[in-house]
Protein backbone atom coordinates (compact mmCIF):
# COMPACT_ATOMS: atom_id res chain seq x y z
CA UNK A 1 -12.06 -3.29 5.76
CA UNK A 2 -9.91 -0.34 6.59
CA UNK A 3 -6.57 0.55 5.15
CA UNK A 4 -4.19 -0.15 8.00
CA UNK A 5 -0.94 1.49 9.01
CA UNK A 6 0.77 -1.53 7.47
CA UNK A 7 -0.62 -0.63 4.03
CA UNK A 8 0.33 3.00 4.57
CA UNK A 9 3.91 2.04 5.45
CA UNK A 10 4.08 -0.35 2.48
CA UNK A 11 3.05 2.44 0.13
CA UNK A 12 5.62 4.81 1.66
CA UNK A 13 8.40 2.24 1.25
CA UNK A 14 7.39 1.56 -2.35
CA UNK A 15 7.18 5.29 -3.07
CA UNK A 16 10.76 5.70 -1.86
CA UNK A 17 11.94 2.82 -4.05
CA UNK A 18 10.07 4.29 -7.00
CA UNK A 19 11.61 7.73 -6.53
CA UNK A 20 15.13 6.40 -5.97
CA UNK A 21 14.87 4.05 -8.95
CA UNK A 22 17.53 1.75 -7.55
CA UNK A 23 18.08 -1.06 -5.07
CA UNK A 24 17.90 -0.02 -1.41
CA UNK A 25 18.49 -1.97 1.79
CA UNK A 26 15.98 -2.08 4.63
CA UNK A 27 18.26 0.24 6.61
CA UNK A 28 18.39 2.75 3.74
CA UNK A 29 14.62 2.67 3.36
CA UNK A 30 13.94 3.10 7.08
CA UNK A 31 16.48 5.94 7.33
CA UNK A 32 15.09 7.76 4.26
CA UNK A 33 11.47 7.43 5.37
CA UNK A 34 10.47 10.44 7.42
CA UNK A 35 7.67 8.56 9.18
CA UNK A 36 9.80 6.48 11.54
CA UNK A 37 8.87 2.96 10.44
CA UNK A 38 10.17 0.41 12.97
CA UNK A 39 12.96 -1.63 11.34
CA UNK A 40 11.46 -5.06 12.12
CA UNK A 41 8.04 -3.97 10.86
CA UNK A 42 9.60 -2.66 7.65
CA UNK A 43 11.36 -6.00 7.15
CA UNK A 44 8.08 -7.88 7.56
CA UNK A 45 6.29 -5.59 5.10
CA UNK A 46 9.11 -5.84 2.55
CA UNK A 47 9.04 -9.66 2.82
CA UNK A 48 5.30 -9.68 2.12
CA UNK A 49 5.81 -7.41 -0.89
CA UNK A 50 8.49 -9.80 -2.21
CA UNK A 51 6.23 -12.82 -1.63
CA UNK A 52 3.49 -11.11 -3.65
CA UNK A 53 5.75 -10.23 -6.59
CA UNK A 54 5.79 -6.48 -6.02
CA UNK A 55 9.45 -6.36 -4.99
CA UNK A 56 12.57 -8.34 -5.79
CA UNK A 57 15.04 -9.01 -3.00
CA UNK A 58 18.79 -9.36 -3.28
CA UNK A 59 21.12 -10.90 -0.70
CA UNK A 60 24.66 -10.09 0.18
CA UNK A 61 26.79 -7.04 0.78
CA UNK A 62 25.02 -5.05 -1.93
CA UNK A 63 21.63 -6.62 -1.32
CA UNK A 64 18.36 -4.89 -0.81
CA UNK A 65 15.03 -4.42 -2.53
CA UNK A 66 13.98 -3.20 -5.94
CA UNK A 67 10.59 -2.88 -7.64
CA UNK A 68 9.72 -6.06 -9.54
CA UNK A 69 7.53 -4.13 -11.99
CA UNK A 70 7.25 -0.68 -13.43
CA UNK A 71 5.50 1.72 -10.99
CA UNK A 72 2.70 2.18 -13.54
CA UNK A 73 1.90 -1.54 -13.21
CA UNK A 74 1.57 -1.58 -9.41
CA UNK A 75 -1.78 -0.43 -8.04
CA UNK A 76 -2.60 0.64 -4.51
CA UNK A 77 -4.99 -2.34 -4.42
CA UNK A 78 -2.07 -4.68 -5.22
CA UNK A 79 -0.16 -3.29 -2.27
CA UNK A 80 -3.07 -3.39 0.17
CA UNK A 81 -3.87 -6.98 -0.82
CA UNK A 82 -0.20 -7.93 -0.39
CA UNK A 83 0.08 -6.76 3.21
CA UNK A 84 -3.48 -6.68 4.58
CA UNK A 85 -6.31 -9.18 4.76
CA UNK A 86 -8.89 -7.94 2.29
CA UNK A 87 -11.16 -10.88 3.18
CA UNK A 88 -11.91 -9.42 6.60
CA UNK A 89 -14.83 -7.40 5.28
CA UNK A 90 -18.16 -7.31 7.00
CA UNK A 91 -20.10 -10.53 6.52
CA UNK A 92 -23.25 -12.04 7.88
CA UNK A 93 -22.41 -14.19 10.87
CA UNK A 94 -25.69 -16.08 10.77
CA UNK A 95 -25.86 -19.34 8.83
CA UNK A 96 -28.16 -18.96 5.81
CA UNK A 97 -30.42 -21.79 7.09
CA UNK A 98 -30.91 -19.95 10.40
CA UNK A 99 -31.88 -16.55 8.99
CA UNK A 100 -35.33 -15.85 10.40
CA UNK A 101 -35.73 -12.24 9.31
CA UNK A 102 -34.56 -10.85 5.95
CA UNK A 103 -33.05 -7.75 7.53
CA UNK A 104 -30.55 -9.84 9.51
CA UNK A 105 -28.12 -10.07 6.60
CA UNK A 106 -29.59 -7.71 4.01
CA UNK A 107 -27.33 -4.86 5.14
CA UNK A 108 -24.39 -6.92 3.86
CA UNK A 109 -25.40 -6.13 0.30
CA UNK A 110 -24.71 -2.47 1.02
CA UNK A 111 -21.28 -3.28 2.45
CA UNK A 112 -20.49 -5.45 -0.56
CA UNK A 113 -21.31 -2.54 -2.89
CA UNK A 114 -19.21 -0.15 -0.78
CA UNK A 115 -16.28 -2.60 -0.70
CA UNK A 116 -16.42 -3.15 -4.45
CA UNK A 117 -16.30 0.62 -5.06
CA UNK A 118 -13.49 0.96 -2.54
CA UNK A 119 -11.50 -1.76 -4.32
CA UNK A 120 -12.17 -0.14 -7.70
CA UNK A 121 -10.89 3.18 -6.35
CA UNK A 122 -7.71 1.57 -4.96
CA UNK A 123 -7.23 -0.26 -8.24
CA UNK A 124 -7.43 3.00 -10.21
CA UNK A 125 -4.35 4.53 -8.54
CA UNK A 126 -0.86 3.32 -9.41
CA UNK A 127 2.48 3.76 -7.71
CA UNK A 128 3.41 5.98 -10.67
CA UNK A 129 0.42 8.22 -9.83
CA UNK A 130 1.58 8.48 -6.22
CA UNK A 131 5.14 9.24 -7.33
CA UNK A 132 4.00 11.99 -9.72
CA UNK A 133 1.76 13.51 -7.06
CA UNK A 134 4.59 13.46 -4.53
CA UNK A 135 7.09 15.04 -6.93
CA UNK A 136 4.59 17.76 -7.83
CA UNK A 137 4.06 18.54 -4.15
CA UNK A 138 7.84 18.71 -3.65
CA UNK A 139 8.12 21.24 -6.49
CA UNK A 140 5.32 23.35 -5.00
CA UNK A 141 6.98 23.20 -1.59
CA UNK A 142 10.31 24.33 -3.07
CA UNK A 143 8.66 27.22 -4.96
CA UNK A 144 6.84 28.32 -1.82
CA UNK A 145 10.06 28.26 0.19
CA UNK A 146 11.93 30.24 -2.49
CA UNK A 147 9.35 33.02 -2.38
CA UNK A 148 9.71 33.21 1.43
CA UNK A 149 13.49 33.72 1.22
């Protein structure tokens, strides 16, 4: 399983919502995001995040999206699972009754260990962590630019 562009975009959209701390429309989110997310793709991602309880959606003139939970309660793993198929990991394609040689599917054990560690790593990082890291980088960027002036 690889983290797809869809997961990357989902995290960027959620980061923006976390930083803004208020309800934003799809248009606002797409316009504020510097990485040119296609509008229709953003809508699809936002719908998946709503369906998985990460976002709340609001209709009407002042509608939009808002985090359903505190950023410290949303993990990167939650987001990846919401928009990507985590079940598409490497598996043995040979029926257990037809395995002739043990090495045919034994490599899967390695991939299962790797995937479990990967999931644990994604589960250890929250949206709050990403927000704090981003804000720290913004401060460093501002300081660096001030010294160049």
